[in-house]
Amino acid sequence: MRAVVQRVKEGKVIVEGETVGQINEGLLVLLGVGDDDNDKDLEYIVNKILGLRIFEDENGKMNLSVEDINGELLVVSQFTLYGDVRKGKRPSFTSAAHPSIAEEYYKKFISKCKELGIKTEHGVFGAHMDVSFINSGPVTILIDSKKTF
C-alpha cells in the first residue's frame, strides 16, 4: 500500500456538488492499494500513519501524532499512486489492485482507524472527487508498505 499523507488545517471531499467528507486539523490520506498487498500491508500503513509524529509540540518540534492532538483523518482512494511512468509518458497502472480488492482494503483502512478512536471521514471509492485542503507547513510524507521509498 502507498499513501501520501499531508498535515492539514482542514480538508473536504466533494462528489457531484455534495460534500461527502470534511475534517478540521489532522491528516489528508491519499491511499493506494497494490496488486500484491495483504493484511500485513494494511496493518503497517495504519500503524505508520496514526503514529507519524508530524504535529508540533509546545516547543515547536514535530513530535506529536494525529492521535496525540485528537486530530482527524480524511481518507481518499488514489489508485494513481501506482502509476508507473518509467516508460513513455502515459502512466501504466498494472501494479494497482483490482478495484474490488482495492475497495475492500480502503474500507478496512477506514474501519481500523475508526475502531482506534480516530474521527475518520472519507471520499467515495471510484468516484470523481474534488479534494480541497489547507496543507499546514507544508508537510507531506510518502509511505509505502513495501518500503520501496
C-alpha atoms as a PDB file:
ATOM      1  CA  MET A   1       0.000   0.000   0.000  1.00  0.00           C
ATOM      2  CA  ARG A   2       1.036   3.511  -0.653  1.00  0.00           C
ATOM      3  CA  ALA A   3      -0.063   6.718   0.974  1.00  0.00           C
ATOM      4  CA  VAL A   4       0.567  10.391   0.528  1.00  0.00           C
ATOM      5  CA  VAL A   5      -0.056  11.935   3.939  1.00  0.00           C
ATOM      6  CA  GLN A   6      -0.491  15.669   4.317  1.00  0.00           C
ATOM      7  CA  ARG A   7      -0.768  17.586   7.572  1.00  0.00           C
ATOM      8  CA  VAL A   8      -3.794  19.834   7.116  1.00  0.00           C
ATOM      9  CA  LYS A   9      -5.644  22.585   8.928  1.00  0.00           C
ATOM     10  CA  GLU A  10      -8.834  21.471   7.159  1.00  0.00           C
ATOM     11  CA  GLY A  11      -9.950  19.382   4.219  1.00  0.00           C
ATOM     12  CA  LYS A  12     -13.033  18.253   2.345  1.00  0.00           C
ATOM     13  CA  VAL A  13     -14.129  15.995  -0.477  1.00  0.00           C
ATOM     14  CA  ILE A  14     -16.931  16.905  -2.864  1.00  0.00           C
ATOM     15  CA  VAL A  15     -18.661  14.418  -5.166  1.00  0.00           C
ATOM     16  CA  GLU A  16     -21.212  15.688  -7.700  1.00  0.00           C
ATOM     17  CA  GLY A  17     -21.533  19.003  -5.880  1.00  0.00           C
ATOM     18  CA  GLU A  18     -22.099  17.439  -2.437  1.00  0.00           C
ATOM     19  CA  THR A  19     -19.614  17.444   0.447  1.00  0.00           C
ATOM     20  CA  VAL A  20     -19.155  13.772   1.414  1.00  0.00           C
ATOM     21  CA  GLY A  21     -16.286  14.157   3.892  1.00  0.00           C
ATOM     22  CA  GLN A  22     -14.874  17.078   5.835  1.00  0.00           C
ATOM     23  CA  ILE A  23     -12.309  17.480   8.637  1.00  0.00           C
ATOM     24  CA  ASN A  24     -10.622  20.097  10.734  1.00  0.00           C
ATOM     25  CA  GLU A  25      -6.981  19.746  11.842  1.00  0.00           C
ATOM     26  CA  GLY A  26      -5.490  16.370  11.035  1.00  0.00           C
ATOM     27  CA  LEU A  27      -4.265  14.339   8.097  1.00  0.00           C
ATOM     28  CA  LEU A  28      -5.358  14.026   4.493  1.00  0.00           C
ATOM     29  CA  VAL A  29      -4.506  10.469   3.436  1.00  0.00           C
ATOM     30  CA  LEU A  30      -4.410   9.628  -0.272  1.00  0.00           C
ATOM     31  CA  LEU A  31      -4.434   5.809  -0.184  1.00  0.00           C
ATOM     32  CA  GLY A  32      -3.473   3.427  -2.982  1.00  0.00           C
ATOM     33  CA  VAL A  33      -3.644  -0.369  -2.888  1.00  0.00           C
ATOM     34  CA  GLY A  34      -1.192  -2.526  -4.834  1.00  0.00           C
ATOM     35  CA  ASP A  35      -1.954  -5.816  -6.542  1.00  0.00           C
ATOM     36  CA  ASP A  36       0.148  -7.795  -4.034  1.00  0.00           C
ATOM     37  CA  ASP A  37      -0.986  -6.059  -0.835  1.00  0.00           C
ATOM     38  CA  ASN A  38      -2.370  -8.044   2.083  1.00  0.00           C
ATOM     39  CA  ASP A  39      -3.476  -7.584   5.703  1.00  0.00           C
ATOM     40  CA  LYS A  40       0.136  -7.151   6.799  1.00  0.00           C
ATOM     41  CA  ASP A  41       0.466  -4.129   4.496  1.00  0.00           C
ATOM     42  CA  LEU A  42      -2.776  -2.731   5.890  1.00  0.00           C
ATOM     43  CA  GLU A  43      -1.562  -3.041   9.496  1.00  0.00           C
ATOM     44  CA  TYR A  44       1.749  -1.394   8.586  1.00  0.00           C
ATOM     45  CA  ILE A  45       0.075   1.571   6.876  1.00  0.00           C
ATOM     46  CA  VAL A  46      -2.480   2.113   9.664  1.00  0.00           C
ATOM     47  CA  ASN A  47       0.160   1.983  12.403  1.00  0.00           C
ATOM     48  CA  LYS A  48       2.624   4.168  10.496  1.00  0.00           C
ATOM     49  CA  ILE A  49       0.085   6.873   9.635  1.00  0.00           C
ATOM     50  CA  LEU A  50      -1.522   7.061  13.071  1.00  0.00           C
ATOM     51  CA  GLY A  51       1.886   7.114  14.744  1.00  0.00           C
ATOM     52  CA  LEU A  52       3.539   9.693  12.471  1.00  0.00           C
ATOM     53  CA  ARG A  53       4.967  12.418  14.673  1.00  0.00           C
ATOM     54  CA  ILE A  54       4.456  15.378  12.348  1.00  0.00           C
ATOM     55  CA  PHE A  55       2.489  17.782  14.559  1.00  0.00           C
ATOM     56  CA  GLU A  56       4.326  20.357  16.623  1.00  0.00           C
ATOM     57  CA  ASP A  57       4.641  20.093  20.382  1.00  0.00           C
ATOM     58  CA  GLU A  58       4.814  23.037  22.827  1.00  0.00           C
ATOM     59  CA  ASN A  59       8.441  23.638  21.744  1.00  0.00           C
ATOM     60  CA  GLY A  60       7.640  23.833  18.039  1.00  0.00           C
ATOM     61  CA  LYS A  61       9.194  20.405  17.313  1.00  0.00           C
ATOM     62  CA  MET A  62       7.406  17.863  15.126  1.00  0.00           C
ATOM     63  CA  ASN A  63       6.885  15.391  17.944  1.00  0.00           C
ATOM     64  CA  LEU A  64       3.133  14.627  18.137  1.00  0.00           C
ATOM     65  CA  SER A  65       0.924  12.228  16.199  1.00  0.00           C
ATOM     66  CA  VAL A  66      -2.635  12.720  14.958  1.00  0.00           C
ATOM     67  CA  GLU A  67      -3.713  10.617  17.946  1.00  0.00           C
ATOM     68  CA  ASP A  68      -1.815  12.900  20.356  1.00  0.00           C
ATOM     69  CA  ILE A  69      -3.578  16.027  19.122  1.00  0.00           C
ATOM     70  CA  ASN A  70      -7.025  14.406  18.793  1.00  0.00           C
ATOM     71  CA  GLY A  71      -6.807  15.169  15.079  1.00  0.00           C
ATOM     72  CA  GLU A  72      -8.978  13.859  12.287  1.00  0.00           C
ATOM     73  CA  LEU A  73      -8.409  11.856   9.102  1.00  0.00           C
ATOM     74  CA  LEU A  74      -9.747  12.456   5.615  1.00  0.00           C
ATOM     75  CA  VAL A  75      -9.116   9.332   3.514  1.00  0.00           C
ATOM     76  CA  VAL A  76      -9.320   9.423  -0.287  1.00  0.00           C
ATOM     77  CA  SER A  77      -8.790   6.426  -2.575  1.00  0.00           C
ATOM     78  CA  GLN A  78      -5.996   7.066  -5.074  1.00  0.00           C
ATOM     79  CA  PHE A  79      -5.067   4.229  -7.431  1.00  0.00           C
ATOM     80  CA  THR A  80      -2.871   6.637  -9.385  1.00  0.00           C
ATOM     81  CA  LEU A  81      -0.235   6.277  -6.644  1.00  0.00           C
ATOM     82  CA  TYR A  82       0.654   3.105  -8.535  1.00  0.00           C
ATOM     83  CA  GLY A  83       1.118   4.949 -11.831  1.00  0.00           C
ATOM     84  CA  ASP A  84       4.367   3.840 -13.458  1.00  0.00           C
ATOM     85  CA  VAL A  85       5.882   6.385 -15.852  1.00  0.00           C
ATOM     86  CA  ARG A  86       9.300   4.822 -16.331  1.00  0.00           C
ATOM     87  CA  LYS A  87       8.424   4.042 -19.973  1.00  0.00           C
ATOM     88  CA  GLY A  88       6.772   6.653 -22.114  1.00  0.00           C
ATOM     89  CA  LYS A  89       4.625   9.489 -20.884  1.00  0.00           C
ATOM     90  CA  ARG A  90       1.337   7.729 -20.223  1.00  0.00           C
ATOM     91  CA  PRO A  91       1.170   6.074 -16.785  1.00  0.00           C
ATOM     92  CA  SER A  92       0.647   2.342 -16.514  1.00  0.00           C
ATOM     93  CA  PHE A  93      -1.469   1.208 -13.582  1.00  0.00           C
ATOM     94  CA  THR A  94      -0.825  -2.535 -13.839  1.00  0.00           C
ATOM     95  CA  SER A  95       0.572  -2.647 -10.265  1.00  0.00           C
ATOM     96  CA  ALA A  96      -2.633  -1.245  -8.772  1.00  0.00           C
ATOM     97  CA  ALA A  97      -5.013  -3.722  -7.180  1.00  0.00           C
ATOM     98  CA  HIS A  98      -8.221  -4.714  -8.954  1.00  0.00           C
ATOM     99  CA  PRO A  99     -10.933  -2.234  -7.899  1.00  0.00           C
ATOM    100  CA  SER A 100     -12.876  -4.843  -5.889  1.00  0.00           C
ATOM    101  CA  ILE A 101      -9.784  -5.689  -3.819  1.00  0.00           C
ATOM    102  CA  ALA A 102      -8.703  -2.064  -3.522  1.00  0.00           C
ATOM    103  CA  GLU A 103     -12.147  -1.027  -2.279  1.00  0.00           C
ATOM    104  CA  GLU A 104     -12.094  -3.802   0.332  1.00  0.00           C
ATOM    105  CA  TYR A 105      -8.741  -2.578   1.723  1.00  0.00           C
ATOM    106  CA  TYR A 106      -9.808   1.066   1.508  1.00  0.00           C
ATOM    107  CA  LYS A 107     -12.857   0.265   3.646  1.00  0.00           C
ATOM    108  CA  LYS A 108     -10.755  -1.834   6.051  1.00  0.00           C
ATOM    109  CA  PHE A 109      -8.338   1.076   6.478  1.00  0.00           C
ATOM    110  CA  ILE A 110     -11.181   3.443   7.335  1.00  0.00           C
ATOM    111  CA  SER A 111     -12.763   0.916   9.737  1.00  0.00           C
ATOM    112  CA  LYS A 112      -9.486   0.267  11.570  1.00  0.00           C
ATOM    113  CA  CYS A 113      -8.859   3.984  12.068  1.00  0.00           C
ATOM    114  CA  LYS A 114     -12.384   4.462  13.415  1.00  0.00           C
ATOM    115  CA  GLU A 115     -12.006   1.421  15.703  1.00  0.00           C
ATOM    116  CA  LEU A 116      -8.882   3.060  17.132  1.00  0.00           C
ATOM    117  CA  GLY A 117     -10.911   6.140  18.048  1.00  0.00           C
ATOM    118  CA  ILE A 118      -9.816   8.498  15.266  1.00  0.00           C
ATOM    119  CA  LYS A 119     -12.541  10.640  13.704  1.00  0.00           C
ATOM    120  CA  THR A 120     -12.292   9.481  10.105  1.00  0.00           C
ATOM    121  CA  GLU A 121     -14.083  10.953   7.111  1.00  0.00           C
ATOM    122  CA  HIS A 122     -13.625   9.733   3.536  1.00  0.00           C
ATOM    123  CA  GLY A 123     -14.380  10.143  -0.103  1.00  0.00           C
ATOM    124  CA  VAL A 124     -16.344   7.802  -2.384  1.00  0.00           C
ATOM    125  CA  PHE A 125     -14.328   4.917  -3.800  1.00  0.00           C
ATOM    126  CA  GLY A 126     -14.098   5.085  -7.596  1.00  0.00           C
ATOM    127  CA  ALA A 127     -15.895   8.420  -7.893  1.00  0.00           C
ATOM    128  CA  HIS A 128     -14.555  11.587  -9.471  1.00  0.00           C
ATOM    129  CA  MET A 129     -13.765  13.696  -6.405  1.00  0.00           C
ATOM    130  CA  ASP A 130     -12.837  17.295  -5.840  1.00  0.00           C
ATOM    131  CA  VAL A 131     -10.471  17.410  -2.861  1.00  0.00           C
ATOM    132  CA  SER A 132      -9.620  20.700  -1.199  1.00  0.00           C
ATOM    133  CA  PHE A 133      -7.408  21.275   1.810  1.00  0.00           C
ATOM    134  CA  ILE A 134      -5.052  23.654   3.535  1.00  0.00           C
ATOM    135  CA  ASN A 135      -1.676  21.952   3.923  1.00  0.00           C
ATOM    136  CA  SER A 136      -0.111  23.094   7.174  1.00  0.00           C
ATOM    137  CA  GLY A 137       3.629  23.612   6.941  1.00  0.00           C
ATOM    138  CA  PRO A 138       3.569  22.382   4.228  1.00  0.00           C
ATOM    139  CA  VAL A 139       4.141  18.850   5.478  1.00  0.00           C
ATOM    140  CA  THR A 140       3.776  15.948   3.044  1.00  0.00           C
ATOM    141  CA  ILE A 141       5.021  12.406   3.727  1.00  0.00           C
ATOM    142  CA  LEU A 142       5.179   9.429   1.341  1.00  0.00           C
ATOM    143  CA  ILE A 143       4.686   5.943   2.776  1.00  0.00           C
ATOM    144  CA  ASP A 144       4.997   2.568   1.054  1.00  0.00           C
ATOM    145  CA  SER A 145       4.273  -0.642   2.959  1.00  0.00           C
ATOM    146  CA  LYS A 146       6.873  -2.469   0.838  1.00  0.00           C
ATOM    147  CA  LYS A 147       9.378   0.226   1.881  1.00  0.00           C
ATOM    148  CA  THR A 148      10.466   0.934  -1.680  1.00  0.00           C
ATOM    149  CA  PHE A 149      10.932   4.574  -0.719  1.00  0.00           C
END
